[in-house]
Amino acid sequence: PALMPEKMALEHIVSWSRPGDLIFDPFCGAATTCKTALLNHRRYLGFEVHEPYYELALRRMRDAQEEYRRRLDAWLVGA
């Protein structure tokens, strides 16, 4: 098992979608695509059937949601 580099996911997401678009990953693994989509103002939908990856994806998405909220709070305070 290996994580997809976040930079690779980022380049594809920002090149092929706009903020608010839905990013679909039918084999999301550890949720790199979903995490990157969220942090770049996209909606996301990912599926994972392998339980260890699913558990890892849940943890990573919880962390990503907290980071997203911190970024929004910082932006709102700075606005």
C-alpha atoms as a PDB file:
ATOM      1  CA  PRO A   1       0.000   0.000   0.000  1.00  0.00           C
ATOM      2  CA  ALA A   2       1.134   3.529  -0.775  1.00  0.00           C
ATOM      3  CA  LEU A   3      -0.528   6.914  -0.457  1.00  0.00           C
ATOM      4  CA  MET A   4      -1.044   8.938  -3.606  1.00  0.00           C
ATOM      5  CA  PRO A   5       1.124  12.047  -3.434  1.00  0.00           C
ATOM      6  CA  GLU A   6      -1.093  14.960  -2.414  1.00  0.00           C
ATOM      7  CA  LYS A   7       0.600  17.196  -4.969  1.00  0.00           C
ATOM      8  CA  MET A   8      -0.498  14.844  -7.781  1.00  0.00           C
ATOM      9  CA  ALA A   9      -4.107  14.889  -6.566  1.00  0.00           C
ATOM     10  CA  LEU A  10      -3.967  18.669  -6.176  1.00  0.00           C
ATOM     11  CA  GLU A  11      -2.699  19.238  -9.716  1.00  0.00           C
ATOM     12  CA  HIS A  12      -5.485  17.141 -11.224  1.00  0.00           C
ATOM     13  CA  ILE A  13      -8.234  18.569  -9.036  1.00  0.00           C
ATOM     14  CA  VAL A  14      -7.415  22.233  -9.646  1.00  0.00           C
ATOM     15  CA  SER A  15      -6.749  21.622 -13.362  1.00  0.00           C
ATOM     16  CA  TRP A  16      -9.961  19.745 -14.123  1.00  0.00           C
ATOM     17  CA  SER A  17     -12.550  21.227 -11.755  1.00  0.00           C
ATOM     18  CA  ARG A  18     -13.787  24.448 -10.221  1.00  0.00           C
ATOM     19  CA  PRO A  19     -14.592  25.307  -6.604  1.00  0.00           C
ATOM     20  CA  GLY A  20     -17.921  23.747  -5.690  1.00  0.00           C
ATOM     21  CA  ASP A  21     -17.599  20.885  -8.191  1.00  0.00           C
ATOM     22  CA  LEU A  22     -18.024  17.280  -7.073  1.00  0.00           C
ATOM     23  CA  ILE A  23     -14.898  15.107  -7.111  1.00  0.00           C
ATOM     24  CA  PHE A  24     -15.724  11.397  -7.261  1.00  0.00           C
ATOM     25  CA  ASP A  25     -13.196   8.721  -6.311  1.00  0.00           C
ATOM     26  CA  PRO A  26     -14.674   5.199  -6.568  1.00  0.00           C
ATOM     27  CA  PHE A  27     -11.566   3.602  -5.006  1.00  0.00           C
ATOM     28  CA  CYS A  28     -10.595   6.247  -2.485  1.00  0.00           C
ATOM     29  CA  GLY A  29      -8.169   4.221  -0.383  1.00  0.00           C
ATOM     30  CA  ALA A  30      -6.790   6.546   2.285  1.00  0.00           C
ATOM     31  CA  ALA A  31      -8.853   9.497   0.959  1.00  0.00           C
ATOM     32  CA  THR A  32      -6.052  11.595  -0.533  1.00  0.00           C
ATOM     33  CA  THR A  33      -8.339  12.725  -3.360  1.00  0.00           C
ATOM     34  CA  CYS A  34     -11.205  13.532  -0.992  1.00  0.00           C
ATOM     35  CA  LYS A  35      -8.939  15.404   1.407  1.00  0.00           C
ATOM     36  CA  THR A  36      -7.395  17.449  -1.380  1.00  0.00           C
ATOM     37  CA  ALA A  37     -10.816  18.197  -2.850  1.00  0.00           C
ATOM     38  CA  LEU A  38     -12.112  19.475   0.487  1.00  0.00           C
ATOM     39  CA  LEU A  39      -9.074  21.669   1.130  1.00  0.00           C
ATOM     40  CA  ASN A  40      -9.538  23.210  -2.320  1.00  0.00           C
ATOM     41  CA  HIS A  41     -13.228  24.054  -1.956  1.00  0.00           C
ATOM     42  CA  ARG A  42     -14.635  21.074  -3.855  1.00  0.00           C
ATOM     43  CA  ARG A  43     -17.279  18.627  -2.736  1.00  0.00           C
ATOM     44  CA  TYR A  44     -16.187  15.002  -2.669  1.00  0.00           C
ATOM     45  CA  LEU A  45     -17.597  11.501  -2.789  1.00  0.00           C
ATOM     46  CA  GLY A  46     -15.392   8.486  -2.208  1.00  0.00           C
ATOM     47  CA  PHE A  47     -15.986   4.772  -1.806  1.00  0.00           C
ATOM     48  CA  GLU A  48     -13.698   2.274  -0.104  1.00  0.00           C
ATOM     49  CA  VAL A  49     -14.582  -1.350   0.709  1.00  0.00           C
ATOM     50  CA  HIS A  50     -11.295  -2.432   2.304  1.00  0.00           C
ATOM     51  CA  GLU A  51     -11.888  -1.815   6.020  1.00  0.00           C
ATOM     52  CA  PRO A  52      -8.341  -0.812   7.049  1.00  0.00           C
ATOM     53  CA  TYR A  53      -8.278   1.848   4.314  1.00  0.00           C
ATOM     54  CA  TYR A  54     -11.788   2.932   5.221  1.00  0.00           C
ATOM     55  CA  GLU A  55     -10.743   3.498   8.854  1.00  0.00           C
ATOM     56  CA  LEU A  56      -7.648   5.408   7.734  1.00  0.00           C
ATOM     57  CA  ALA A  57      -9.762   7.493   5.356  1.00  0.00           C
ATOM     58  CA  LEU A  58     -12.172   8.404   8.159  1.00  0.00           C
ATOM     59  CA  ARG A  59      -9.312   9.600  10.370  1.00  0.00           C
ATOM     60  CA  ARG A  60      -7.709  11.583   7.557  1.00  0.00           C
ATOM     61  CA  MET A  61     -11.011  13.226   6.615  1.00  0.00           C
ATOM     62  CA  ARG A  62     -11.730  14.202  10.231  1.00  0.00           C
ATOM     63  CA  ASP A  63      -8.311  15.865  10.341  1.00  0.00           C
ATOM     64  CA  ALA A  64      -8.893  17.520   6.961  1.00  0.00           C
ATOM     65  CA  GLN A  65     -12.260  18.899   8.081  1.00  0.00           C
ATOM     66  CA  GLU A  66     -10.635  20.417  11.163  1.00  0.00           C
ATOM     67  CA  GLU A  67      -7.910  21.955   8.998  1.00  0.00           C
ATOM     68  CA  TYR A  68     -10.534  23.309   6.590  1.00  0.00           C
ATOM     69  CA  ARG A  69     -12.424  24.929   9.477  1.00  0.00           C
ATOM     70  CA  ARG A  70      -9.197  26.478  10.799  1.00  0.00           C
ATOM     71  CA  ARG A  71      -8.429  27.891   7.354  1.00  0.00           C
ATOM     72  CA  LEU A  72     -11.926  29.336   7.034  1.00  0.00           C
ATOM     73  CA  ASP A  73     -11.756  30.849  10.506  1.00  0.00           C
ATOM     74  CA  ALA A  74      -8.373  32.413   9.732  1.00  0.00           C
ATOM     75  CA  TRP A  75      -9.697  33.797   6.442  1.00  0.00           C
ATOM     76  CA  LEU A  76     -12.827  35.217   8.103  1.00  0.00           C
ATOM     77  CA  VAL A  77     -10.848  36.847  10.915  1.00  0.00           C
ATOM     78  CA  GLY A  78      -8.404  38.311   8.399  1.00  0.00           C
ATOM     79  CA  ALA A  79     -11.203  39.607   6.125  1.00  0.00           C
END
